[in-house]
Protein backbone atom coordinates (compact mmCIF):
# COMPACT_ATOMS: atom_id res chain seq x y z
CA MET A 1 -90.50 69.73 -50.45
CA ARG A 2 -92.12 68.52 -47.23
CA VAL A 3 -95.50 68.22 -48.97
CA ILE A 4 -94.05 65.98 -51.69
CA ALA A 5 -92.36 63.82 -49.06
CA GLU A 6 -95.67 63.35 -47.23
CA ILE A 7 -97.54 62.58 -50.46
CA SER A 8 -94.89 59.99 -51.33
CA ARG A 9 -95.11 58.47 -47.89
CA TRP A 10 -98.89 58.00 -48.03
CA ALA A 11 -99.43 57.26 -51.75
CA ILE A 12 -99.17 53.46 -51.65
CA PRO A 13 -101.13 52.92 -48.41
CA LEU A 14 -103.91 55.16 -49.73
CA LEU A 15 -104.02 53.28 -53.03
CA LEU A 16 -104.14 49.97 -51.17
CA LEU A 17 -107.12 51.25 -49.23
CA LEU A 18 -108.85 53.17 -52.02
CA ILE A 19 -108.89 50.45 -54.70
CA PRO A 20 -110.67 47.77 -52.61
CA VAL A 21 -113.13 50.33 -51.24
CA LEU A 22 -114.03 51.55 -54.75
CA ALA A 23 -114.33 47.94 -55.97
CA TYR A 24 -116.64 47.11 -53.07
CA LEU A 25 -118.79 50.18 -53.77
CA ARG A 26 -119.11 49.03 -57.39
CA ASN A 27 -120.25 45.58 -56.21
CA VAL A 28 -117.07 43.84 -57.36
CA PRO A 29 -116.34 40.69 -55.33
CA VAL A 30 -113.07 42.01 -53.89
CA TYR A 31 -111.77 38.93 -52.13
CA GLU A 32 -112.72 36.54 -54.96
CA SER A 33 -111.06 38.84 -57.51
CA PHE A 34 -107.93 39.01 -55.39
CA VAL A 35 -107.75 35.22 -55.06
CA ALA A 36 -108.29 34.72 -58.82
CA GLY A 37 -105.53 37.24 -59.58
CA ALA A 38 -103.16 35.64 -57.08
CA GLU A 39 -103.84 32.21 -58.61
CA GLU A 40 -103.08 33.52 -62.10
CA GLY A 41 -99.92 35.23 -60.81
CA PHE A 42 -98.76 31.99 -59.22
CA LYS A 43 -99.37 30.08 -62.48
CA THR A 44 -97.37 32.70 -64.38
CA GLY A 45 -94.54 32.45 -61.85
CA VAL A 46 -94.41 28.67 -62.23
CA ARG A 47 -94.55 29.00 -66.04
CA ILE A 48 -91.56 31.40 -66.21
CA LEU A 49 -89.45 29.57 -63.60
CA PRO A 50 -87.63 27.25 -66.07
CA PHE A 51 -86.76 30.19 -68.32
CA LEU A 52 -85.52 32.20 -65.34
CA ILE A 53 -83.38 29.35 -64.01
CA GLY A 54 -81.87 28.72 -67.44
CA MET A 55 -81.01 32.39 -67.85
CA LEU A 56 -79.48 32.73 -64.38
CA VAL A 57 -77.37 29.57 -64.81
CA SER A 58 -76.14 30.77 -68.21
CA ILE A 59 -75.13 34.16 -66.79
CA ARG A 60 -73.32 32.54 -63.86
CA VAL A 61 -71.39 30.25 -66.23
CA PHE A 62 -70.56 33.27 -68.45
CA VAL A 63 -69.13 35.23 -65.54
CA ASP A 64 -67.45 32.37 -63.65
CA SER A 65 -65.79 30.97 -66.77
CA GLY A 66 -63.93 34.24 -67.28
CA ALA A 67 -65.68 34.95 -70.58
CA LEU A 68 -66.82 38.37 -69.34
CA ASP A 69 -63.22 39.35 -68.54
CA ILE A 70 -61.93 38.00 -71.87
CA ILE A 71 -64.54 39.85 -73.92
CA SER A 72 -63.94 43.02 -71.91
CA HIS A 73 -60.22 42.74 -72.62
CA TRP A 74 -60.84 42.20 -76.36
CA LEU A 75 -63.12 45.22 -76.57
CA GLN A 76 -60.64 47.67 -75.00
CA PRO A 77 -58.80 48.30 -78.32
CA LEU A 78 -62.15 48.97 -80.01
CA PHE A 79 -62.96 51.61 -77.41
CA GLY A 80 -59.49 53.08 -77.91
CA PHE A 81 -60.02 53.14 -81.69
CA LEU A 82 -63.32 54.98 -81.20
CA GLY A 83 -61.45 57.68 -79.30
CA PHE A 84 -62.29 56.72 -75.74
CA ASP A 85 -59.39 56.87 -73.31
CA SER A 86 -58.49 54.24 -70.74
CA ASN A 87 -61.09 55.61 -68.28
CA PHE A 88 -63.76 53.91 -70.35
CA ALA A 89 -62.18 50.45 -70.06
CA ALA A 90 -63.66 50.07 -66.57
CA ILE A 91 -67.21 50.42 -67.94
CA ILE A 92 -66.92 47.63 -70.53
CA PRO A 93 -67.96 44.78 -68.16
CA LEU A 94 -71.07 46.76 -67.22
CA ALA A 95 -71.89 47.41 -70.87
CA ILE A 96 -71.65 43.67 -71.56
CA MET A 97 -73.53 42.56 -68.44
CA ARG A 98 -76.42 45.03 -68.67
CA PRO A 99 -78.24 43.34 -71.57
CA LEU A 100 -77.87 39.97 -69.82
CA SER A 101 -78.92 40.52 -66.22
CA GLY A 102 -80.19 43.41 -64.16
CA SER A 103 -78.87 42.00 -60.89
CA GLY A 104 -75.52 41.09 -62.47
CA ALA A 105 -75.23 44.58 -63.95
CA LEU A 106 -76.16 46.11 -60.61
CA GLY A 107 -73.38 44.11 -58.98
CA VAL A 108 -70.87 45.36 -61.56
CA ALA A 109 -72.13 48.94 -61.21
CA THR A 110 -71.91 48.73 -57.42
CA GLN A 111 -68.36 47.45 -57.68
CA LEU A 112 -67.43 50.31 -60.03
CA ILE A 113 -69.02 52.91 -57.76
CA ASN A 114 -67.32 51.46 -54.67
CA GLN A 115 -63.97 51.36 -56.47
CA HIS A 116 -64.08 54.76 -58.19
CA GLY A 117 -66.57 56.69 -56.04
CA PRO A 118 -70.13 57.80 -56.78
CA ASP A 119 -69.12 61.28 -57.94
CA SER A 120 -66.29 60.07 -60.16
CA PHE A 121 -66.56 59.98 -63.91
CA ILE A 122 -66.84 56.16 -63.89
CA GLY A 123 -69.42 56.24 -61.08
CA ARG A 124 -71.58 58.71 -62.96
CA LEU A 125 -71.17 56.79 -66.21
CA ALA A 126 -72.10 53.51 -64.52
CA SER A 127 -75.21 55.10 -63.00
CA THR A 128 -76.24 56.67 -66.29
CA LEU A 129 -75.69 53.43 -68.19
CA GLN A 130 -77.77 51.53 -65.63
CA GLY A 131 -80.69 53.86 -66.28
CA SER A 132 -80.26 54.09 -70.06
CA THR A 133 -80.24 50.44 -71.08
CA ASP A 134 -82.36 47.37 -70.49
CA THR A 135 -81.89 43.68 -69.78
CA THR A 136 -82.61 42.57 -73.34
CA PHE A 137 -81.77 38.88 -73.01
CA PHE A 138 -83.59 38.63 -69.70
CA VAL A 139 -86.72 40.17 -71.21
CA LEU A 140 -86.58 37.86 -74.22
CA THR A 141 -85.94 34.76 -72.14
CA VAL A 142 -88.37 35.28 -69.30
CA TYR A 143 -91.20 37.36 -70.72
CA PHE A 144 -91.25 36.11 -74.29
CA GLY A 145 -90.68 32.54 -73.13
CA SER A 146 -93.48 32.68 -70.57
CA VAL A 147 -96.08 33.59 -73.19
CA GLY A 148 -94.72 31.21 -75.81
CA ILE A 149 -93.17 33.64 -78.31
CA LYS A 150 -90.59 31.65 -80.26
CA LYS A 151 -89.71 34.05 -83.08
CA TYR A 152 -87.99 36.96 -81.40
CA ARG A 153 -85.23 37.65 -83.92
CA TYR A 154 -86.26 41.25 -84.61
CA ALA A 155 -86.91 42.00 -80.95
CA LEU A 156 -83.38 40.78 -80.16
CA LYS A 157 -81.82 42.95 -82.86
CA LEU A 158 -83.74 46.05 -81.82
CA GLY A 159 -83.15 45.43 -78.13
CA LEU A 160 -79.39 45.13 -78.62
CA LEU A 161 -79.41 48.17 -80.90
CA ALA A 162 -81.23 50.12 -78.19
CA ASP A 163 -78.64 48.94 -75.64
CA LEU A 164 -75.80 50.07 -77.91
CA ILE A 165 -77.44 53.45 -78.45
CA GLY A 166 -77.98 53.72 -74.68
CA LEU A 167 -74.28 53.04 -74.14
CA ILE A 168 -73.18 55.58 -76.75
CA VAL A 169 -75.54 58.27 -75.50
CA SER A 170 -74.60 57.61 -71.86
CA VAL A 171 -70.92 58.03 -72.68
CA TRP A 172 -71.64 61.15 -74.72
CA ILE A 173 -73.85 62.80 -72.08
CA VAL A 174 -71.56 62.02 -69.14
CA THR A 175 -68.51 63.14 -71.13
CA LYS A 176 -70.15 66.43 -72.13
CA THR A 177 -71.54 67.06 -68.66
CA PHE A 178 -68.79 65.89 -66.30
CA TYR A 179 -65.53 65.34 -68.20
């Protein structure tokens, strides 16, 4: 265990040293390559900024308008119909927020864990759901938008399907393991 901790501690500093040294030994202009990469990264950051701002504003309006709470309330009977008890109602806002925003979902998950406890059923379910789904709309907006992909209909459908499957499997695994 101590060996793994030491390897983890030194892995990134060694890589940061090793890569430039190997590039220099192979006669790669290290500084010029770094500057060119940083310039391209800056251009990419500027290019995705409007998409990112639009997505963040939309999410804020969605949450602040009360739409998240309304949709969560409407979905509770569906969860009940599917056989989930009232314990699952607390996870609905996280299931809705996760495809929209990673930071928003993290805020909801943190709130659930603080309210119910990290070792509670809801805390474990929130943690599992966080690791089992992705930020589909964020990916489509920022990454697809930054490279100019306009036709993302199938990616949206598959991303949301993957999020739904992640939700179902998270509930199933946590229920079988901890409930």
